[in-house]
């Protein structure tokens, strides 16, 4: 085979490979750009106001998905604490979300023992702790009407001696100020 013919054949192979790679690259870019970004939704997470008397809503974004996953993300935001200096945390330091499940219209929240052990006490602080959890779930997710609070997987009578948490609780809008 003459050298000229061989060079032309090699050039054709190189061009064909380059064109194929370019086409594959364009297809991949189009496919990736056409994929929807993870959708989010805006929710209200309830924290204490500056005076420690009422709950106030702080806007947060959570990923859309099954209600249990959205609710879990909402509570993780509550555990993280407020972003704004005009809010105060309602969950005691060190409190962890151990679990969350939704059965029927009831969400069951399982918290670590720090929610009791590190609680500052007092009826106002306990109201804010309990209803920051209940209101964050029941007022954001229509599928959740009431919330049961467990500590380390077991029923607790109370968090700090004032509110019975042995039964599921519905939201309380009276503790919220705009």
N, C-alpha and C. Protein backbone atom coordinates (compact mmCIF):
# COMPACT_ATOMS: atom_id res chain seq x y z
N UNK A 1 0.85 -1.17 0.00
CA UNK A 1 0.00 0.00 0.00
C UNK A 1 0.90 1.23 0.00
N UNK A 2 0.60 2.15 -0.89
CA UNK A 2 1.42 3.36 -0.94
C UNK A 2 1.29 4.16 0.35
N UNK A 3 2.37 4.87 0.66
CA UNK A 3 2.42 5.65 1.89
C UNK A 3 1.31 6.69 1.93
N UNK A 4 1.03 7.30 0.81
CA UNK A 4 0.00 8.33 0.74
C UNK A 4 -1.37 7.77 1.12
N UNK A 5 -1.69 6.63 0.64
CA UNK A 5 -2.97 5.99 0.92
C UNK A 5 -3.06 5.63 2.42
N UNK A 6 -1.94 5.16 2.97
CA UNK A 6 -1.89 4.79 4.38
C UNK A 6 -2.08 6.02 5.27
N UNK A 7 -1.43 7.14 4.92
CA UNK A 7 -1.56 8.38 5.69
C UNK A 7 -3.01 8.88 5.67
N UNK A 8 -3.64 8.77 4.49
CA UNK A 8 -5.02 9.23 4.37
C UNK A 8 -5.95 8.35 5.23
N UNK A 9 -5.69 7.04 5.24
CA UNK A 9 -6.51 6.13 6.04
C UNK A 9 -6.36 6.45 7.53
N UNK A 10 -5.14 6.72 8.00
CA UNK A 10 -4.90 7.08 9.39
C UNK A 10 -5.57 8.41 9.74
N UNK A 11 -5.51 9.36 8.83
CA UNK A 11 -6.16 10.65 9.05
C UNK A 11 -7.67 10.48 9.17
N UNK A 12 -8.24 9.65 8.31
CA UNK A 12 -9.68 9.39 8.37
C UNK A 12 -10.07 8.75 9.71
N UNK A 13 -9.25 7.84 10.22
CA UNK A 13 -9.52 7.22 11.51
C UNK A 13 -9.45 8.26 12.65
N UNK A 14 -8.47 9.13 12.60
CA UNK A 14 -8.33 10.18 13.62
C UNK A 14 -9.53 11.12 13.58
N UNK A 15 -9.94 11.54 12.39
CA UNK A 15 -11.09 12.43 12.24
C UNK A 15 -12.35 11.75 12.73
N UNK A 16 -12.53 10.48 12.37
CA UNK A 16 -13.72 9.73 12.81
C UNK A 16 -13.75 9.61 14.33
N UNK A 17 -12.62 9.35 14.94
CA UNK A 17 -12.54 9.24 16.40
C UNK A 17 -12.85 10.59 17.05
N UNK A 18 -12.34 11.68 16.49
CA UNK A 18 -12.58 13.01 17.05
C UNK A 18 -14.06 13.38 16.93
N UNK A 19 -14.66 13.09 15.79
CA UNK A 19 -16.08 13.39 15.60
C UNK A 19 -16.93 12.57 16.56
N UNK A 20 -16.60 11.29 16.72
CA UNK A 20 -17.34 10.43 17.65
C UNK A 20 -17.22 10.96 19.08
N UNK A 21 -16.04 11.33 19.50
CA UNK A 21 -15.83 11.87 20.86
C UNK A 21 -16.62 13.16 21.05
N UNK A 22 -16.63 14.02 20.03
CA UNK A 22 -17.37 15.29 20.13
C UNK A 22 -18.86 15.03 20.25
N UNK A 23 -19.38 14.10 19.46
CA UNK A 23 -20.81 13.77 19.52
C UNK A 23 -21.17 13.21 20.90
N UNK A 24 -20.35 12.30 21.41
CA UNK A 24 -20.60 11.74 22.74
C UNK A 24 -20.56 12.84 23.79
N UNK A 25 -19.60 13.75 23.69
CA UNK A 25 -19.50 14.86 24.64
C UNK A 25 -20.73 15.74 24.61
N UNK A 26 -21.21 16.06 23.42
CA UNK A 26 -22.41 16.89 23.30
C UNK A 26 -23.62 16.18 23.90
N UNK A 27 -23.76 14.89 23.62
CA UNK A 27 -24.88 14.11 24.16
C UNK A 27 -24.84 14.11 25.69
N UNK A 28 -23.67 13.88 26.27
CA UNK A 28 -23.53 13.87 27.73
C UNK A 28 -23.87 15.23 28.32
N UNK A 29 -23.38 16.29 27.73
CA UNK A 29 -23.66 17.65 28.23
C UNK A 29 -25.15 17.95 28.16
N UNK A 30 -25.78 17.60 27.06
CA UNK A 30 -27.22 17.82 26.93
C UNK A 30 -28.00 17.00 27.95
N UNK A 31 -27.58 15.77 28.15
CA UNK A 31 -28.27 14.91 29.12
C UNK A 31 -28.15 15.48 30.53
N UNK A 32 -26.93 15.89 30.90
CA UNK A 32 -26.72 16.44 32.24
C UNK A 32 -27.46 17.76 32.43
N UNK A 33 -27.48 18.61 31.44
CA UNK A 33 -28.15 19.90 31.59
C UNK A 33 -29.67 19.74 31.60
N UNK A 34 -30.17 18.65 31.04
CA UNK A 34 -31.61 18.41 31.02
C UNK A 34 -32.13 17.77 32.29
N UNK A 35 -31.23 17.28 33.14
CA UNK A 35 -31.66 16.66 34.40
C UNK A 35 -32.12 17.75 35.36
N UNK A 36 -33.28 17.57 35.98
CA UNK A 36 -33.75 18.59 36.91
C UNK A 36 -32.88 18.64 38.16
N UNK A 37 -32.66 19.85 38.64
CA UNK A 37 -31.94 20.00 39.90
C UNK A 37 -32.85 19.48 41.01
N UNK A 38 -32.26 19.10 42.11
CA UNK A 38 -33.08 18.63 43.23
C UNK A 38 -34.00 19.76 43.64
N UNK A 39 -35.29 19.46 43.65
CA UNK A 39 -36.27 20.47 44.01
C UNK A 39 -36.30 20.65 45.52
N UNK A 40 -36.55 21.88 45.92
CA UNK A 40 -36.67 22.18 47.35
C UNK A 40 -38.00 22.85 47.61
N UNK A 41 -38.35 22.91 48.87
CA UNK A 41 -39.54 23.64 49.28
C UNK A 41 -39.18 24.48 50.50
N UNK A 42 -39.87 25.60 50.64
CA UNK A 42 -39.61 26.49 51.77
C UNK A 42 -40.57 26.13 52.90
N UNK A 43 -40.01 26.06 54.11
CA UNK A 43 -40.81 25.74 55.29
C UNK A 43 -40.51 26.75 56.39
N UNK A 44 -41.33 26.71 57.43
CA UNK A 44 -41.10 27.51 58.63
C UNK A 44 -40.57 26.60 59.74
N UNK A 45 -39.43 26.98 60.30
CA UNK A 45 -38.88 26.27 61.45
C UNK A 45 -39.03 27.21 62.63
N UNK A 46 -39.57 26.71 63.72
CA UNK A 46 -39.94 27.56 64.85
C UNK A 46 -38.86 27.57 65.93
N UNK A 47 -38.39 28.80 66.22
CA UNK A 47 -37.40 29.04 67.26
C UNK A 47 -37.96 30.07 68.23
N UNK A 48 -37.29 30.22 69.35
CA UNK A 48 -37.69 31.20 70.36
C UNK A 48 -37.39 32.62 69.87
N UNK A 49 -38.25 33.56 70.26
CA UNK A 49 -37.98 34.96 69.95
C UNK A 49 -36.90 35.49 70.89
N UNK A 50 -36.51 36.75 70.70
CA UNK A 50 -35.41 37.34 71.48
C UNK A 50 -35.69 37.36 72.99
N UNK A 51 -36.96 37.53 73.34
CA UNK A 51 -37.32 37.60 74.76
C UNK A 51 -37.53 36.22 75.38
N UNK A 52 -37.59 35.20 74.56
CA UNK A 52 -37.81 33.85 75.08
C UNK A 52 -39.24 33.60 75.50
N UNK A 53 -40.18 34.37 74.93
CA UNK A 53 -41.58 34.23 75.33
C UNK A 53 -42.44 33.50 74.30
N UNK A 54 -42.10 33.65 73.04
CA UNK A 54 -42.90 33.07 71.96
C UNK A 54 -42.01 32.39 70.94
N UNK A 55 -42.66 31.64 70.07
CA UNK A 55 -41.96 31.07 68.93
C UNK A 55 -42.14 31.96 67.72
N UNK A 56 -41.10 32.03 66.90
CA UNK A 56 -41.16 32.77 65.64
C UNK A 56 -40.65 31.86 64.54
N UNK A 57 -41.20 32.04 63.34
CA UNK A 57 -40.81 31.20 62.21
C UNK A 57 -39.59 31.77 61.51
N UNK A 58 -38.65 30.90 61.23
CA UNK A 58 -37.50 31.24 60.39
C UNK A 58 -37.61 30.37 59.14
N UNK A 59 -37.53 31.00 57.98
CA UNK A 59 -37.67 30.29 56.70
C UNK A 59 -36.43 29.43 56.45
N UNK A 60 -36.67 28.21 55.99
CA UNK A 60 -35.61 27.29 55.59
C UNK A 60 -36.06 26.54 54.34
N UNK A 61 -35.11 25.98 53.64
CA UNK A 61 -35.41 25.15 52.47
C UNK A 61 -35.04 23.71 52.77
N UNK A 62 -35.93 22.79 52.40
CA UNK A 62 -35.66 21.36 52.51
C UNK A 62 -35.92 20.71 51.17
N UNK A 63 -35.28 19.57 50.95
CA UNK A 63 -35.47 18.84 49.70
C UNK A 63 -36.87 18.23 49.65
N UNK A 64 -37.49 18.31 48.46
CA UNK A 64 -38.78 17.68 48.27
C UNK A 64 -38.59 16.18 48.17
N UNK A 65 -39.56 15.45 48.68
CA UNK A 65 -39.50 13.99 48.64
C UNK A 65 -40.65 13.42 49.42
N UNK A 66 -40.52 12.21 49.88
CA UNK A 66 -41.57 11.64 50.74
C UNK A 66 -41.71 12.48 52.01
N UNK A 67 -42.92 12.55 52.54
CA UNK A 67 -43.17 13.42 53.70
C UNK A 67 -42.25 13.10 54.87
N UNK A 68 -41.94 11.84 55.10
CA UNK A 68 -41.06 11.50 56.22
C UNK A 68 -39.66 12.08 56.01
N UNK A 69 -39.17 12.08 54.78
CA UNK A 69 -37.85 12.66 54.49
C UNK A 69 -37.88 14.17 54.63
N UNK A 70 -38.94 14.81 54.15
CA UNK A 70 -39.07 16.27 54.30
C UNK A 70 -39.15 16.65 55.78
N UNK A 71 -39.94 15.89 56.54
CA UNK A 71 -40.09 16.17 57.98
C UNK A 71 -38.77 15.98 58.71
N UNK A 72 -38.04 14.93 58.34
CA UNK A 72 -36.73 14.69 58.96
C UNK A 72 -35.80 15.87 58.68
N UNK A 73 -35.78 16.34 57.43
CA UNK A 73 -34.94 17.49 57.08
C UNK A 73 -35.36 18.73 57.88
N UNK A 74 -36.66 18.91 58.06
CA UNK A 74 -37.16 20.06 58.83
C UNK A 74 -36.65 19.99 60.27
N UNK A 75 -36.71 18.80 60.87
CA UNK A 75 -36.23 18.66 62.25
C UNK A 75 -34.72 18.80 62.34
N UNK A 76 -34.00 18.37 61.32
CA UNK A 76 -32.55 18.57 61.31
C UNK A 76 -32.23 20.07 61.31
N UNK A 77 -33.04 20.84 60.60
CA UNK A 77 -32.88 22.30 60.60
C UNK A 77 -33.13 22.85 62.00
N UNK A 78 -34.14 22.31 62.69
CA UNK A 78 -34.43 22.74 64.06
C UNK A 78 -33.27 22.41 64.99
N UNK A 79 -32.72 21.21 64.85
CA UNK A 79 -31.58 20.79 65.67
C UNK A 79 -30.37 21.70 65.42
N UNK A 80 -30.17 22.11 64.16
CA UNK A 80 -29.04 22.99 63.81
C UNK A 80 -29.13 24.34 64.53
N UNK A 81 -30.34 24.78 64.83
CA UNK A 81 -30.52 26.06 65.49
C UNK A 81 -30.76 27.18 64.51
N UNK A 82 -31.09 28.36 65.03
CA UNK A 82 -31.43 29.49 64.17
C UNK A 82 -30.21 30.07 63.45
N UNK A 83 -30.48 30.66 62.29
CA UNK A 83 -29.42 31.36 61.54
C UNK A 83 -29.38 32.83 61.93
N UNK A 84 -30.53 33.39 62.27
CA UNK A 84 -30.64 34.80 62.60
C UNK A 84 -30.37 35.04 64.08
N UNK A 85 -29.72 36.15 64.37
CA UNK A 85 -29.43 36.51 65.77
C UNK A 85 -30.69 36.92 66.52
N UNK A 86 -31.79 37.17 65.80
CA UNK A 86 -33.02 37.57 66.47
C UNK A 86 -33.85 36.37 66.92
N UNK A 87 -33.27 35.17 66.81
CA UNK A 87 -33.92 33.95 67.27
C UNK A 87 -33.00 33.24 68.25
N UNK A 88 -33.58 32.40 69.09
CA UNK A 88 -32.79 31.58 70.02
C UNK A 88 -33.17 30.11 69.82
N UNK A 89 -32.22 29.24 70.07
CA UNK A 89 -32.46 27.80 69.94
C UNK A 89 -33.53 27.37 70.94
N UNK A 90 -34.31 26.39 70.56
CA UNK A 90 -35.33 25.85 71.45
C UNK A 90 -34.97 24.46 71.94
N UNK A 91 -34.06 23.80 71.26
CA UNK A 91 -33.63 22.48 71.71
C UNK A 91 -32.34 22.61 72.50
N UNK A 92 -32.24 21.90 73.61
CA UNK A 92 -31.04 21.98 74.43
C UNK A 92 -29.78 21.54 73.67
N UNK A 93 -28.66 22.12 74.05
CA UNK A 93 -27.36 21.80 73.44
C UNK A 93 -27.14 20.29 73.48
N UNK A 94 -26.66 19.76 72.36
CA UNK A 94 -26.33 18.34 72.26
C UNK A 94 -27.48 17.45 71.85
N UNK A 95 -28.69 17.99 71.76
CA UNK A 95 -29.84 17.17 71.36
C UNK A 95 -29.66 16.70 69.93
N UNK A 96 -29.91 15.41 69.72
CA UNK A 96 -29.80 14.83 68.38
C UNK A 96 -31.14 14.20 67.99
N UNK A 97 -31.41 14.24 66.71
CA UNK A 97 -32.58 13.56 66.17
C UNK A 97 -32.16 12.11 65.91
N UNK A 98 -32.75 11.17 66.65
CA UNK A 98 -32.40 9.76 66.50
C UNK A 98 -33.28 9.06 65.47
N UNK A 99 -34.49 9.57 65.30
CA UNK A 99 -35.38 8.93 64.35
C UNK A 99 -36.65 9.72 64.16
N UNK A 100 -37.31 9.43 63.05
CA UNK A 100 -38.60 10.05 62.77
C UNK A 100 -39.37 9.09 61.87
N UNK A 101 -40.61 8.85 62.21
CA UNK A 101 -41.47 8.06 61.33
C UNK A 101 -42.85 8.68 61.32
N UNK A 102 -43.53 8.51 60.20
CA UNK A 102 -44.88 9.02 60.05
C UNK A 102 -45.79 7.83 59.80
N UNK A 103 -46.76 7.66 60.68
CA UNK A 103 -47.75 6.58 60.55
C UNK A 103 -49.11 7.22 60.65
N UNK A 104 -49.90 7.07 59.59
CA UNK A 104 -51.18 7.74 59.55
C UNK A 104 -50.94 9.23 59.57
N UNK A 105 -51.60 9.93 60.47
CA UNK A 105 -51.46 11.39 60.60
C UNK A 105 -50.53 11.78 61.75
N UNK A 106 -49.84 10.78 62.35
CA UNK A 106 -48.98 11.04 63.51
C UNK A 106 -47.51 10.85 63.15
N UNK A 107 -46.72 11.85 63.49
CA UNK A 107 -45.26 11.75 63.36
C UNK A 107 -44.71 11.39 64.74
N UNK A 108 -43.80 10.43 64.77
CA UNK A 108 -43.13 10.07 66.01
C UNK A 108 -41.68 10.50 65.89
N UNK A 109 -41.28 11.36 66.81
CA UNK A 109 -39.93 11.94 66.83
C UNK A 109 -39.17 11.31 67.99
N UNK A 110 -37.99 10.78 67.70
CA UNK A 110 -37.14 10.19 68.73
C UNK A 110 -35.90 11.07 68.90
N UNK A 111 -35.75 11.63 70.10
CA UNK A 111 -34.63 12.53 70.40
C UNK A 111 -33.67 11.89 71.39
N UNK A 112 -32.44 12.36 71.37
CA UNK A 112 -31.44 11.87 72.33
C UNK A 112 -31.75 12.41 73.73
N UNK A 113 -31.17 11.77 74.72
CA UNK A 113 -31.45 12.11 76.13
C UNK A 113 -31.06 13.53 76.51
N UNK A 114 -30.20 14.17 75.68
CA UNK A 114 -29.79 15.55 75.98
C UNK A 114 -30.97 16.51 75.99
N UNK A 115 -32.06 16.16 75.30
CA UNK A 115 -33.24 17.02 75.31
C UNK A 115 -33.78 17.19 76.73
N UNK A 116 -33.59 16.17 77.56
CA UNK A 116 -34.01 16.24 78.97
C UNK A 116 -32.84 16.65 79.86
N UNK A 117 -31.70 15.97 79.69
CA UNK A 117 -30.55 16.21 80.57
C UNK A 117 -30.02 17.64 80.51
N UNK A 118 -30.05 18.25 79.33
CA UNK A 118 -29.50 19.60 79.17
C UNK A 118 -30.57 20.69 79.13
N UNK A 119 -31.82 20.32 79.41
CA UNK A 119 -32.89 21.32 79.35
C UNK A 119 -32.74 22.30 80.50
N UNK A 120 -32.92 23.61 80.23
CA UNK A 120 -32.75 24.61 81.29
C UNK A 120 -33.87 24.60 82.31
N UNK A 121 -34.99 23.96 82.00
CA UNK A 121 -36.12 23.91 82.92
C UNK A 121 -37.02 25.12 82.75
N UNK A 122 -38.09 25.13 83.50
CA UNK A 122 -39.07 26.21 83.42
C UNK A 122 -40.15 25.89 82.41
N UNK A 123 -41.35 26.34 82.72
CA UNK A 123 -42.49 26.02 81.85
C UNK A 123 -42.39 26.70 80.49
N UNK A 124 -41.95 27.95 80.44
CA UNK A 124 -41.84 28.64 79.15
C UNK A 124 -40.83 27.95 78.23
N UNK A 125 -39.68 27.59 78.77
CA UNK A 125 -38.66 26.92 77.97
C UNK A 125 -39.16 25.56 77.48
N UNK A 126 -39.89 24.86 78.34
CA UNK A 126 -40.41 23.55 77.93
C UNK A 126 -41.49 23.70 76.86
N UNK A 127 -42.36 24.67 76.99
CA UNK A 127 -43.37 24.93 75.96
C UNK A 127 -42.69 25.20 74.62
N UNK A 128 -41.65 26.02 74.64
CA UNK A 128 -40.95 26.34 73.39
C UNK A 128 -40.24 25.12 72.81
N UNK A 129 -39.66 24.30 73.66
CA UNK A 129 -39.01 23.08 73.16
C UNK A 129 -40.02 22.17 72.50
N UNK A 130 -41.08 21.86 73.21
CA UNK A 130 -42.09 20.92 72.71
C UNK A 130 -42.77 21.46 71.45
N UNK A 131 -43.22 22.71 71.50
CA UNK A 131 -44.00 23.22 70.37
C UNK A 131 -43.13 23.69 69.20
N UNK A 132 -41.84 23.87 69.40
CA UNK A 132 -40.98 24.11 68.23
C UNK A 132 -40.95 22.84 67.38
N UNK A 133 -40.95 21.69 68.02
CA UNK A 133 -40.97 20.40 67.32
C UNK A 133 -42.34 20.17 66.68
N UNK A 134 -43.38 20.24 67.51
CA UNK A 134 -44.74 19.95 67.03
C UNK A 134 -45.16 20.92 65.93
N UNK A 135 -44.97 22.22 66.14
CA UNK A 135 -45.39 23.20 65.14
C UNK A 135 -44.58 23.11 63.86
N UNK A 136 -43.27 22.86 63.97
CA UNK A 136 -42.45 22.72 62.76
C UNK A 136 -42.98 21.60 61.88
N UNK A 137 -43.44 20.53 62.48
CA UNK A 137 -43.96 19.41 61.69
C UNK A 137 -45.42 19.61 61.28
N UNK A 138 -46.28 19.88 62.24
CA UNK A 138 -47.72 19.90 61.96
C UNK A 138 -48.17 21.12 61.15
N UNK A 139 -47.45 22.22 61.22
CA UNK A 139 -47.85 23.41 60.47
C UNK A 139 -47.22 23.48 59.07
N UNK A 140 -46.25 22.64 58.80
CA UNK A 140 -45.62 22.61 57.47
C UNK A 140 -46.11 21.47 56.60
N UNK A 141 -46.53 20.40 57.22
CA UNK A 141 -46.88 19.19 56.48
C UNK A 141 -48.32 18.80 56.78
N UNK A 142 -49.23 19.02 55.83
CA UNK A 142 -50.64 18.70 56.05
C UNK A 142 -50.88 17.22 56.38
N UNK A 143 -49.95 16.37 55.99
CA UNK A 143 -50.08 14.93 56.28
C UNK A 143 -49.88 14.63 57.76
N UNK A 144 -49.31 15.58 58.50
CA UNK A 144 -49.03 15.38 59.93
C UNK A 144 -49.97 16.26 60.75
N UNK A 145 -50.79 15.62 61.57
CA UNK A 145 -51.72 16.36 62.43
C UNK A 145 -51.23 16.46 63.87
N UNK A 146 -50.50 15.44 64.32
CA UNK A 146 -49.98 15.48 65.68
C UNK A 146 -48.64 14.78 65.75
N UNK A 147 -47.95 15.02 66.87
CA UNK A 147 -46.57 14.56 67.02
C UNK A 147 -46.39 13.91 68.38
N UNK A 148 -45.79 12.72 68.35
CA UNK A 148 -45.42 12.00 69.57
C UNK A 148 -43.92 12.20 69.75
N UNK A 149 -43.50 12.50 70.97
CA UNK A 149 -42.08 12.71 71.25
C UNK A 149 -41.57 11.57 72.13
N UNK A 150 -40.54 10.89 71.65
CA UNK A 150 -39.85 9.85 72.41
C UNK A 150 -38.46 10.36 72.77
N UNK A 151 -37.90 9.79 73.83
CA UNK A 151 -36.53 10.09 74.22
C UNK A 151 -35.78 8.77 74.29
N UNK A 152 -34.74 8.66 73.47
CA UNK A 152 -33.95 7.43 73.38
C UNK A 152 -34.85 6.21 73.11
N UNK A 153 -35.87 6.41 72.28
CA UNK A 153 -36.73 5.31 71.86
C UNK A 153 -37.85 4.96 72.81
N UNK A 154 -37.96 5.66 73.94
CA UNK A 154 -38.99 5.35 74.93
C UNK A 154 -39.86 6.56 75.21
N UNK A 155 -41.08 6.27 75.68
CA UNK A 155 -41.97 7.36 76.09
C UNK A 155 -41.38 8.04 77.32
N UNK A 156 -41.43 9.35 77.30
CA UNK A 156 -41.05 10.14 78.47
C UNK A 156 -42.32 10.78 78.98
N UNK A 157 -42.45 10.96 80.28
CA UNK A 157 -43.63 11.62 80.83
C UNK A 157 -43.63 13.10 80.44
N UNK A 158 -42.45 13.71 80.50
CA UNK A 158 -42.31 15.14 80.29
C UNK A 158 -40.86 15.44 79.90
N UNK A 159 -40.64 16.61 79.35
CA UNK A 159 -39.27 17.03 79.03
C UNK A 159 -38.63 17.73 80.23
N UNK A 160 -39.41 18.61 80.88
CA UNK A 160 -38.86 19.36 82.02
C UNK A 160 -39.88 19.52 83.16
N UNK A 161 -40.86 18.62 83.21
CA UNK A 161 -41.77 18.61 84.36
C UNK A 161 -43.09 19.34 84.21
N UNK A 162 -43.40 19.92 83.04
CA UNK A 162 -44.61 20.73 82.93
C UNK A 162 -45.59 20.26 81.86
N UNK A 163 -45.12 19.67 80.79
CA UNK A 163 -46.00 19.28 79.68
C UNK A 163 -45.97 17.76 79.52
N UNK A 164 -47.14 17.16 79.56
CA UNK A 164 -47.27 15.72 79.37
C UNK A 164 -47.00 15.39 77.91
N UNK A 165 -45.95 14.62 77.65
CA UNK A 165 -45.64 14.23 76.27
C UNK A 165 -45.84 12.72 76.05
N UNK A 166 -46.67 12.10 76.91
CA UNK A 166 -46.92 10.67 76.74
C UNK A 166 -47.86 10.40 75.58
N UNK A 167 -48.65 11.38 75.19
CA UNK A 167 -49.59 11.25 74.07
C UNK A 167 -49.18 12.21 72.96
N UNK A 168 -49.60 11.92 71.73
CA UNK A 168 -49.30 12.85 70.63
C UNK A 168 -49.94 14.22 70.87
N UNK A 169 -49.23 15.26 70.45
CA UNK A 169 -49.69 16.64 70.62
C UNK A 169 -49.94 17.28 69.27
N UNK A 170 -51.01 18.08 69.20
CA UNK A 170 -51.29 18.86 68.00
C UNK A 170 -50.61 20.21 68.09
N UNK A 171 -50.60 20.96 66.99
CA UNK A 171 -49.92 22.26 66.99
C UNK A 171 -50.62 23.26 67.91
N UNK A 172 -49.89 24.25 68.35
CA UNK A 172 -50.44 25.33 69.18
C UNK A 172 -50.00 26.66 68.56
N UNK A 173 -50.92 27.32 67.92
CA UNK A 173 -50.63 28.61 67.26
C UNK A 173 -50.55 29.77 68.28
N UNK A 174 -51.07 29.58 69.48
CA UNK A 174 -51.05 30.66 70.48
C UNK A 174 -49.64 30.99 70.95
N UNK A 175 -48.70 30.07 70.76
CA UNK A 175 -47.34 30.33 71.21
C UNK A 175 -46.48 30.96 70.12
N UNK A 176 -47.11 31.28 68.98
CA UNK A 176 -46.38 31.85 67.85
C UNK A 176 -46.67 33.35 67.75
N UNK A 177 -45.62 34.12 67.53
CA UNK A 177 -45.74 35.56 67.25
C UNK A 177 -45.02 35.83 65.94
N UNK A 178 -45.64 36.67 65.11
CA UNK A 178 -45.04 37.04 63.82
C UNK A 178 -44.02 38.13 63.96
